[in-house]
N, C-alpha and C. Protein backbone atom coordinates (compact mmCIF):
# COMPACT_ATOMS: atom_id res chain seq x y z
N MET A 1 -6.11 31.31 -0.28
CA MET A 1 -6.50 30.89 -1.60
C MET A 1 -7.27 29.58 -1.47
N GLU A 2 -8.47 29.55 -1.98
CA GLU A 2 -9.26 28.33 -1.94
C GLU A 2 -9.13 27.60 -3.27
N LEU A 3 -8.82 26.33 -3.20
CA LEU A 3 -8.69 25.51 -4.39
C LEU A 3 -10.05 25.01 -4.84
N THR A 4 -10.21 24.90 -6.13
CA THR A 4 -11.42 24.29 -6.67
C THR A 4 -11.01 23.00 -7.36
N GLY A 5 -11.87 22.02 -7.25
CA GLY A 5 -11.59 20.74 -7.88
C GLY A 5 -12.35 19.63 -7.20
N GLU A 6 -12.00 18.42 -7.53
CA GLU A 6 -12.67 17.24 -6.98
C GLU A 6 -12.14 16.92 -5.59
N ARG A 7 -13.05 16.76 -4.66
CA ARG A 7 -12.66 16.38 -3.29
C ARG A 7 -12.55 14.86 -3.22
N THR A 8 -11.58 14.42 -2.43
CA THR A 8 -11.33 12.99 -2.27
C THR A 8 -10.71 12.75 -0.90
N LYS A 9 -10.54 11.51 -0.55
CA LYS A 9 -9.82 11.14 0.67
C LYS A 9 -8.57 10.39 0.25
N ILE A 10 -7.48 10.65 0.97
CA ILE A 10 -6.25 9.94 0.71
C ILE A 10 -5.71 9.37 2.02
N VAL A 11 -4.90 8.35 1.91
CA VAL A 11 -4.33 7.68 3.08
C VAL A 11 -2.93 8.22 3.33
N ARG A 12 -2.64 8.46 4.59
CA ARG A 12 -1.30 8.83 5.02
C ARG A 12 -0.89 7.89 6.14
N TRP A 13 0.38 7.51 6.13
CA TRP A 13 0.95 6.64 7.15
C TRP A 13 1.91 7.47 7.98
N ILE A 14 1.76 7.40 9.30
CA ILE A 14 2.65 8.11 10.21
C ILE A 14 3.38 7.06 11.04
N ARG A 15 4.70 7.12 11.03
CA ARG A 15 5.51 6.08 11.68
C ARG A 15 5.96 6.51 13.06
N GLY A 16 5.77 5.61 14.02
CA GLY A 16 6.29 5.77 15.37
C GLY A 16 7.48 4.86 15.56
N SER A 17 7.93 4.71 16.79
CA SER A 17 9.12 3.90 17.04
C SER A 17 8.87 2.41 16.79
N ASN A 18 7.73 1.89 17.22
CA ASN A 18 7.45 0.46 17.01
C ASN A 18 6.05 0.24 16.44
N PHE A 19 5.48 1.28 15.81
CA PHE A 19 4.16 1.15 15.22
C PHE A 19 3.98 2.19 14.12
N VAL A 20 2.95 1.98 13.31
CA VAL A 20 2.55 2.98 12.32
C VAL A 20 1.05 3.22 12.47
N VAL A 21 0.63 4.39 12.06
CA VAL A 21 -0.79 4.75 12.10
C VAL A 21 -1.23 5.07 10.69
N ARG A 22 -2.33 4.48 10.29
CA ARG A 22 -2.93 4.76 8.98
C ARG A 22 -4.12 5.68 9.21
N VAL A 23 -4.10 6.85 8.58
CA VAL A 23 -5.21 7.79 8.70
C VAL A 23 -5.64 8.23 7.30
N GLU A 24 -6.91 8.57 7.18
CA GLU A 24 -7.43 9.14 5.95
C GLU A 24 -7.62 10.63 6.17
N VAL A 25 -7.25 11.41 5.16
CA VAL A 25 -7.43 12.86 5.24
C VAL A 25 -8.13 13.34 3.98
N ASP A 26 -8.84 14.46 4.13
CA ASP A 26 -9.49 15.08 2.99
C ASP A 26 -8.43 15.76 2.13
N ALA A 27 -8.62 15.65 0.84
CA ALA A 27 -7.71 16.30 -0.11
C ALA A 27 -8.55 16.81 -1.28
N ILE A 28 -7.91 17.57 -2.12
CA ILE A 28 -8.59 18.09 -3.29
C ILE A 28 -7.67 17.90 -4.50
N ILE A 29 -8.26 17.46 -5.59
CA ILE A 29 -7.53 17.35 -6.85
C ILE A 29 -7.84 18.64 -7.61
N PRO A 30 -6.89 19.57 -7.64
CA PRO A 30 -7.18 20.88 -8.22
C PRO A 30 -7.47 20.81 -9.71
N ASP A 31 -8.37 21.69 -10.13
CA ASP A 31 -8.73 21.76 -11.55
C ASP A 31 -7.52 22.09 -12.42
N PHE A 32 -6.60 22.92 -11.90
CA PHE A 32 -5.47 23.38 -12.72
C PHE A 32 -4.34 22.37 -12.83
N ASP A 33 -4.33 21.34 -11.98
CA ASP A 33 -3.28 20.32 -12.02
C ASP A 33 -3.81 19.05 -11.38
N THR A 34 -4.24 18.12 -12.18
CA THR A 34 -4.85 16.89 -11.66
C THR A 34 -3.84 15.79 -11.40
N SER A 35 -2.55 16.11 -11.43
CA SER A 35 -1.53 15.07 -11.28
C SER A 35 -1.41 14.54 -9.86
N GLU A 36 -1.82 15.33 -8.87
CA GLU A 36 -1.64 14.91 -7.49
C GLU A 36 -2.62 15.65 -6.57
N PRO A 37 -3.23 14.93 -5.63
CA PRO A 37 -4.12 15.60 -4.67
C PRO A 37 -3.33 16.54 -3.77
N CYS A 38 -3.97 17.62 -3.37
CA CYS A 38 -3.36 18.61 -2.48
C CYS A 38 -4.07 18.58 -1.13
N LEU A 39 -3.31 18.84 -0.09
CA LEU A 39 -3.89 18.94 1.24
C LEU A 39 -4.21 20.39 1.55
N GLU A 40 -5.35 20.60 2.17
CA GLU A 40 -5.73 21.93 2.61
C GLU A 40 -5.20 22.15 4.03
N PRO A 41 -5.18 23.37 4.50
CA PRO A 41 -4.62 23.66 5.82
C PRO A 41 -5.20 22.82 6.95
N ALA A 42 -6.50 22.56 6.94
CA ALA A 42 -7.11 21.76 8.02
C ALA A 42 -6.54 20.34 8.04
N ALA A 43 -6.31 19.77 6.87
CA ALA A 43 -5.75 18.42 6.79
C ALA A 43 -4.31 18.40 7.29
N ILE A 44 -3.57 19.44 6.99
CA ILE A 44 -2.18 19.53 7.44
C ILE A 44 -2.13 19.66 8.96
N ARG A 45 -3.02 20.48 9.52
CA ARG A 45 -3.08 20.61 10.98
C ARG A 45 -3.45 19.27 11.63
N PHE A 46 -4.38 18.54 11.02
CA PHE A 46 -4.77 17.22 11.52
C PHE A 46 -3.56 16.29 11.53
N LEU A 47 -2.80 16.26 10.44
CA LEU A 47 -1.62 15.39 10.37
C LEU A 47 -0.56 15.80 11.39
N ASP A 48 -0.41 17.10 11.60
CA ASP A 48 0.53 17.56 12.65
C ASP A 48 0.09 17.06 14.02
N ASP A 49 -1.22 17.07 14.27
CA ASP A 49 -1.75 16.58 15.53
C ASP A 49 -1.50 15.07 15.67
N VAL A 50 -1.69 14.34 14.60
CA VAL A 50 -1.43 12.90 14.62
C VAL A 50 0.04 12.64 14.91
N LYS A 51 0.92 13.38 14.24
CA LYS A 51 2.36 13.21 14.48
C LYS A 51 2.73 13.49 15.93
N ASP A 52 2.09 14.49 16.52
CA ASP A 52 2.34 14.80 17.93
C ASP A 52 1.90 13.63 18.81
N LYS A 53 0.72 13.08 18.54
CA LYS A 53 0.23 11.94 19.32
C LYS A 53 1.14 10.72 19.15
N VAL A 54 1.64 10.52 17.93
CA VAL A 54 2.57 9.42 17.68
C VAL A 54 3.84 9.61 18.50
N SER A 55 4.39 10.82 18.48
CA SER A 55 5.64 11.06 19.21
C SER A 55 5.47 10.91 20.71
N ARG A 56 4.25 11.14 21.20
CA ARG A 56 3.97 10.99 22.62
C ARG A 56 3.48 9.59 22.98
N GLY A 57 3.29 8.72 21.98
CA GLY A 57 2.87 7.35 22.24
C GLY A 57 1.44 7.21 22.73
N LEU A 58 0.55 8.08 22.29
CA LEU A 58 -0.84 8.07 22.75
C LEU A 58 -1.68 7.10 21.91
N ILE A 59 -1.44 5.82 22.12
CA ILE A 59 -2.04 4.77 21.30
C ILE A 59 -3.57 4.81 21.37
N ALA A 60 -4.14 4.94 22.55
CA ALA A 60 -5.61 4.93 22.68
C ALA A 60 -6.23 6.06 21.86
N GLU A 61 -5.64 7.22 21.87
CA GLU A 61 -6.16 8.34 21.08
C GLU A 61 -5.97 8.10 19.59
N LEU A 62 -4.85 7.52 19.22
CA LEU A 62 -4.60 7.23 17.82
C LEU A 62 -5.57 6.19 17.26
N GLU A 63 -5.94 5.22 18.09
CA GLU A 63 -6.89 4.20 17.65
C GLU A 63 -8.27 4.78 17.36
N LYS A 64 -8.58 5.93 17.94
CA LYS A 64 -9.86 6.58 17.69
C LYS A 64 -9.90 7.29 16.34
N ILE A 65 -8.73 7.64 15.80
CA ILE A 65 -8.70 8.42 14.57
C ILE A 65 -8.09 7.67 13.39
N GLY A 66 -7.56 6.49 13.64
CA GLY A 66 -6.94 5.74 12.56
C GLY A 66 -6.71 4.30 12.98
N GLU A 67 -5.99 3.60 12.14
CA GLU A 67 -5.65 2.20 12.41
C GLU A 67 -4.19 2.14 12.84
N VAL A 68 -3.94 1.48 13.97
CA VAL A 68 -2.59 1.39 14.51
C VAL A 68 -2.08 -0.03 14.26
N TYR A 69 -0.89 -0.11 13.68
CA TYR A 69 -0.25 -1.40 13.40
C TYR A 69 1.09 -1.45 14.13
N PHE A 70 1.29 -2.52 14.90
CA PHE A 70 2.51 -2.67 15.68
C PHE A 70 3.50 -3.55 14.94
N ARG A 71 4.77 -3.24 15.11
CA ARG A 71 5.84 -4.03 14.50
C ARG A 71 5.95 -5.35 15.24
N ARG A 72 6.09 -6.41 14.50
CA ARG A 72 6.30 -7.72 15.12
C ARG A 72 7.72 -7.84 15.60
N THR A 73 7.86 -8.48 16.73
CA THR A 73 9.20 -8.76 17.23
C THR A 73 9.41 -10.26 17.16
N ALA A 74 10.60 -10.62 16.76
CA ALA A 74 10.89 -12.05 16.58
C ALA A 74 11.33 -12.69 17.86
């Protein structure tokens, strides 16, 4: 099923053990319900890939697709 509506980008944060990654993904605000943007299958697969890279600690690869922020230690 293909959604029709306004295309936009939204931010998602993926948390690792001592860092977070900020990525933008494509979304669509469907004509039938404008209350919240929806993710299409390609965006969901992208986020799954990001989560996999986060769990494996692939910082260099994550920096190519988003912004990586490290937790400060006192």
